[in-house]
Amino acid sequence: MTKITTPTGFECEIDKSIIEDDWEYVEALDAVMSGTPGAMVRLAKTLLSADDYKALKKHCEKDGRTSSAQMQDELIEIVKAASKNS
């Protein structure tokens, strides 16, 4: 497990084997890169544990709503950090 902290202070742990050799991750990342609607949700649920996913949503909450823009920004930072650490 690799601990990741984003620039905004969100902390999570990523199983490095997902980045290194998991087809579901590759498919989710491909969907994001292809601009498929909703692909970021699939990527988040593939990469993060259920608890970290819930924590990320809470971290991105503003005025009672989860900011989709901030969720995307955080996921980009998590993927970059996880890829660098793999």
N, C-alpha and C. Protein backbone atom coordinates (compact mmCIF):
# COMPACT_ATOMS: atom_id res chain seq x y z
N MET A 1 0.84 -1.18 0.00
CA MET A 1 0.00 0.00 0.00
C MET A 1 0.89 1.24 0.00
N THR A 2 0.48 2.22 -0.77
CA THR A 2 1.20 3.48 -0.86
C THR A 2 0.31 4.59 -0.32
N LYS A 3 0.83 5.34 0.63
CA LYS A 3 0.08 6.46 1.18
C LYS A 3 0.27 7.67 0.27
N ILE A 4 -0.84 8.32 -0.05
CA ILE A 4 -0.81 9.49 -0.93
C ILE A 4 -1.49 10.65 -0.22
N THR A 5 -0.89 11.81 -0.33
CA THR A 5 -1.50 13.04 0.17
C THR A 5 -1.54 14.02 -0.98
N THR A 6 -2.74 14.51 -1.29
CA THR A 6 -2.89 15.47 -2.39
C THR A 6 -2.51 16.87 -1.90
N PRO A 7 -2.32 17.81 -2.82
CA PRO A 7 -1.97 19.18 -2.42
C PRO A 7 -2.99 19.84 -1.49
N THR A 8 -4.25 19.37 -1.52
CA THR A 8 -5.26 19.96 -0.64
C THR A 8 -5.33 19.26 0.71
N GLY A 9 -4.49 18.23 0.90
CA GLY A 9 -4.42 17.54 2.18
C GLY A 9 -5.22 16.26 2.28
N PHE A 10 -5.88 15.83 1.21
CA PHE A 10 -6.61 14.56 1.26
C PHE A 10 -5.60 13.43 1.30
N GLU A 11 -5.83 12.47 2.22
CA GLU A 11 -4.94 11.33 2.37
C GLU A 11 -5.68 10.04 2.06
N CYS A 12 -5.00 9.15 1.34
CA CYS A 12 -5.57 7.84 1.04
C CYS A 12 -4.42 6.85 0.86
N GLU A 13 -4.78 5.58 0.81
CA GLU A 13 -3.80 4.54 0.52
C GLU A 13 -4.21 3.83 -0.76
N ILE A 14 -3.24 3.63 -1.62
CA ILE A 14 -3.48 2.98 -2.91
C ILE A 14 -2.71 1.66 -2.94
N ASP A 15 -3.38 0.63 -3.38
CA ASP A 15 -2.73 -0.66 -3.59
C ASP A 15 -1.93 -0.54 -4.88
N LYS A 16 -0.60 -0.56 -4.79
CA LYS A 16 0.25 -0.36 -5.96
C LYS A 16 -0.01 -1.36 -7.08
N SER A 17 -0.50 -2.54 -6.73
CA SER A 17 -0.75 -3.54 -7.77
C SER A 17 -1.85 -3.09 -8.73
N ILE A 18 -2.73 -2.20 -8.28
CA ILE A 18 -3.77 -1.68 -9.17
C ILE A 18 -3.13 -0.86 -10.29
N ILE A 19 -2.18 -0.03 -9.94
CA ILE A 19 -1.49 0.81 -10.92
C ILE A 19 -0.61 -0.04 -11.82
N GLU A 20 0.04 -1.04 -11.24
CA GLU A 20 1.03 -1.82 -11.97
C GLU A 20 0.44 -2.88 -12.88
N ASP A 21 -0.69 -3.51 -12.46
CA ASP A 21 -1.18 -4.64 -13.25
C ASP A 21 -2.62 -4.97 -12.93
N ASP A 22 -3.53 -4.05 -13.28
CA ASP A 22 -4.96 -4.29 -13.06
C ASP A 22 -5.72 -3.79 -14.27
N TRP A 23 -6.33 -4.71 -15.00
CA TRP A 23 -7.01 -4.35 -16.24
C TRP A 23 -8.18 -3.41 -16.00
N GLU A 24 -8.90 -3.56 -14.89
CA GLU A 24 -10.01 -2.67 -14.58
C GLU A 24 -9.52 -1.22 -14.48
N TYR A 25 -8.36 -1.03 -13.90
CA TYR A 25 -7.77 0.30 -13.80
C TYR A 25 -7.44 0.84 -15.19
N VAL A 26 -6.85 0.00 -16.03
CA VAL A 26 -6.51 0.42 -17.39
C VAL A 26 -7.77 0.82 -18.16
N GLU A 27 -8.82 0.02 -18.04
CA GLU A 27 -10.08 0.35 -18.71
C GLU A 27 -10.67 1.66 -18.19
N ALA A 28 -10.64 1.84 -16.87
CA ALA A 28 -11.18 3.06 -16.28
C ALA A 28 -10.37 4.28 -16.72
N LEU A 29 -9.07 4.15 -16.73
CA LEU A 29 -8.21 5.25 -17.16
C LEU A 29 -8.43 5.56 -18.64
N ASP A 30 -8.58 4.54 -19.45
CA ASP A 30 -8.86 4.73 -20.87
C ASP A 30 -10.18 5.48 -21.07
N ALA A 31 -11.19 5.12 -20.30
CA ALA A 31 -12.48 5.79 -20.41
C ALA A 31 -12.37 7.27 -20.06
N VAL A 32 -11.57 7.56 -19.04
CA VAL A 32 -11.34 8.97 -18.65
C VAL A 32 -10.64 9.70 -19.79
N MET A 33 -9.59 9.11 -20.31
CA MET A 33 -8.81 9.74 -21.37
C MET A 33 -9.62 9.91 -22.65
N SER A 34 -10.61 9.05 -22.86
CA SER A 34 -11.47 9.13 -24.05
C SER A 34 -12.62 10.10 -23.87
N GLY A 35 -12.77 10.63 -22.67
CA GLY A 35 -13.83 11.60 -22.41
C GLY A 35 -15.20 10.98 -22.17
N THR A 36 -15.23 9.72 -21.80
CA THR A 36 -16.49 9.04 -21.54
C THR A 36 -17.17 9.64 -20.32
N PRO A 37 -18.42 10.06 -20.45
CA PRO A 37 -19.14 10.63 -19.30
C PRO A 37 -19.20 9.63 -18.14
N GLY A 38 -18.95 10.11 -16.95
CA GLY A 38 -19.01 9.26 -15.77
C GLY A 38 -17.78 8.42 -15.53
N ALA A 39 -16.79 8.53 -16.40
CA ALA A 39 -15.61 7.69 -16.28
C ALA A 39 -14.81 7.97 -15.01
N MET A 40 -14.85 9.21 -14.54
CA MET A 40 -14.10 9.54 -13.32
C MET A 40 -14.66 8.77 -12.12
N VAL A 41 -15.96 8.53 -12.11
CA VAL A 41 -16.56 7.75 -11.03
C VAL A 41 -16.00 6.34 -11.05
N ARG A 42 -15.98 5.75 -12.23
CA ARG A 42 -15.44 4.39 -12.37
C ARG A 42 -13.98 4.34 -11.94
N LEU A 43 -13.20 5.34 -12.34
CA LEU A 43 -11.80 5.38 -11.97
C LEU A 43 -11.65 5.48 -10.46
N ALA A 44 -12.42 6.35 -9.84
CA ALA A 44 -12.34 6.53 -8.39
C ALA A 44 -12.67 5.24 -7.66
N LYS A 45 -13.72 4.56 -8.10
CA LYS A 45 -14.13 3.33 -7.42
C LYS A 45 -13.18 2.18 -7.69
N THR A 46 -12.44 2.23 -8.79
CA THR A 46 -11.44 1.20 -9.08
C THR A 46 -10.18 1.43 -8.25
N LEU A 47 -9.80 2.68 -8.11
CA LEU A 47 -8.54 3.03 -7.48
C LEU A 47 -8.63 3.10 -5.96
N LEU A 48 -9.74 3.59 -5.43
CA LEU A 48 -9.86 3.83 -4.00
C LEU A 48 -10.67 2.75 -3.29
N SER A 49 -10.36 2.53 -2.03
CA SER A 49 -11.20 1.65 -1.22
C SER A 49 -12.54 2.35 -1.02
N ALA A 50 -13.54 1.60 -0.61
CA ALA A 50 -14.86 2.19 -0.38
C ALA A 50 -14.78 3.30 0.67
N ASP A 51 -13.99 3.09 1.72
CA ASP A 51 -13.85 4.10 2.77
C ASP A 51 -13.15 5.35 2.25
N ASP A 52 -12.08 5.17 1.46
CA ASP A 52 -11.38 6.34 0.91
C ASP A 52 -12.25 7.08 -0.10
N TYR A 53 -13.07 6.35 -0.85
CA TYR A 53 -13.99 6.98 -1.80
C TYR A 53 -14.98 7.89 -1.05
N LYS A 54 -15.56 7.37 0.02
CA LYS A 54 -16.49 8.16 0.83
C LYS A 54 -15.77 9.37 1.44
N ALA A 55 -14.55 9.15 1.91
CA ALA A 55 -13.77 10.24 2.52
C ALA A 55 -13.45 11.32 1.49
N LEU A 56 -13.15 10.91 0.25
CA LEU A 56 -12.85 11.88 -0.79
C LEU A 56 -14.09 12.71 -1.11
N LYS A 57 -15.24 12.07 -1.18
CA LYS A 57 -16.47 12.82 -1.43
C LYS A 57 -16.71 13.84 -0.32
N LYS A 58 -16.49 13.45 0.91
CA LYS A 58 -16.67 14.37 2.04
C LYS A 58 -15.66 15.51 1.95
N HIS A 59 -14.42 15.17 1.59
CA HIS A 59 -13.36 16.17 1.44
C HIS A 59 -13.72 17.21 0.38
N CYS A 60 -14.44 16.79 -0.64
CA CYS A 60 -14.80 17.66 -1.76
C CYS A 60 -16.17 18.32 -1.59
N GLU A 61 -16.76 18.18 -0.43
CA GLU A 61 -18.10 18.73 -0.20
C GLU A 61 -18.03 20.22 0.07
N LYS A 62 -18.91 20.95 -0.61
CA LYS A 62 -19.05 22.40 -0.42
C LYS A 62 -20.54 22.71 -0.39
N ASP A 63 -20.97 23.39 0.64
CA ASP A 63 -22.37 23.80 0.76
C ASP A 63 -23.34 22.64 0.59
N GLY A 64 -22.99 21.48 1.16
CA GLY A 64 -23.88 20.33 1.11
C GLY A 64 -23.84 19.52 -0.18
N ARG A 65 -22.98 19.90 -1.11
CA ARG A 65 -22.85 19.16 -2.38
C ARG A 65 -21.39 18.77 -2.60
N THR A 66 -21.22 17.64 -3.24
CA THR A 66 -19.87 17.21 -3.59
C THR A 66 -19.49 17.88 -4.90
N SER A 67 -18.41 18.64 -4.87
CA SER A 67 -17.95 19.37 -6.06
C SER A 67 -17.34 18.39 -7.06
N SER A 68 -17.98 18.27 -8.23
CA SER A 68 -17.44 17.36 -9.25
C SER A 68 -16.10 17.85 -9.76
N ALA A 69 -15.93 19.16 -9.86
CA ALA A 69 -14.65 19.70 -10.33
C ALA A 69 -13.53 19.36 -9.35
N GLN A 70 -13.80 19.50 -8.06
CA GLN A 70 -12.76 19.18 -7.08
C GLN A 70 -12.50 17.68 -7.04
N MET A 71 -13.54 16.86 -7.18
CA MET A 71 -13.35 15.41 -7.23
C MET A 71 -12.42 15.05 -8.38
N GLN A 72 -12.65 15.64 -9.54
CA GLN A 72 -11.79 15.36 -10.69
C GLN A 72 -10.36 15.81 -10.43
N ASP A 73 -10.21 17.01 -9.87
CA ASP A 73 -8.86 17.51 -9.58
C ASP A 73 -8.13 16.60 -8.60
N GLU A 74 -8.84 16.16 -7.56
CA GLU A 74 -8.23 15.28 -6.57
C GLU A 74 -7.84 13.95 -7.20
N LEU A 75 -8.71 13.38 -8.02
CA LEU A 75 -8.40 12.11 -8.66
C LEU A 75 -7.20 12.22 -9.59
N ILE A 76 -7.10 13.32 -10.29
CA ILE A 76 -5.92 13.53 -11.15
C ILE A 76 -4.66 13.54 -10.31
N GLU A 77 -4.69 14.22 -9.19
CA GLU A 77 -3.53 14.27 -8.29
C GLU A 77 -3.21 12.89 -7.72
N ILE A 78 -4.24 12.13 -7.37
CA ILE A 78 -4.03 10.78 -6.84
C ILE A 78 -3.41 9.88 -7.89
N VAL A 79 -3.92 9.93 -9.12
CA VAL A 79 -3.37 9.09 -10.20
C VAL A 79 -1.92 9.48 -10.48
N LYS A 80 -1.65 10.78 -10.54
CA LYS A 80 -0.27 11.22 -10.79
C LYS A 80 0.67 10.73 -9.69
N ALA A 81 0.26 10.88 -8.44
CA ALA A 81 1.10 10.46 -7.32
C ALA A 81 1.28 8.95 -7.29
N ALA A 82 0.20 8.21 -7.54
CA ALA A 82 0.27 6.76 -7.54
C ALA A 82 1.15 6.25 -8.68
N SER A 83 1.05 6.87 -9.83
CA SER A 83 1.86 6.46 -10.98
C SER A 83 3.34 6.74 -10.73
N LYS A 84 3.62 7.86 -10.08
CA LYS A 84 5.00 8.21 -9.76
C LYS A 84 5.60 7.23 -8.76
N ASN A 85 4.77 6.72 -7.84
CA ASN A 85 5.24 5.83 -6.80
C ASN A 85 5.25 4.35 -7.21
N SER A 86 4.77 4.05 -8.41
CA SER A 86 4.71 2.63 -8.79
C SER A 86 5.99 2.18 -9.45
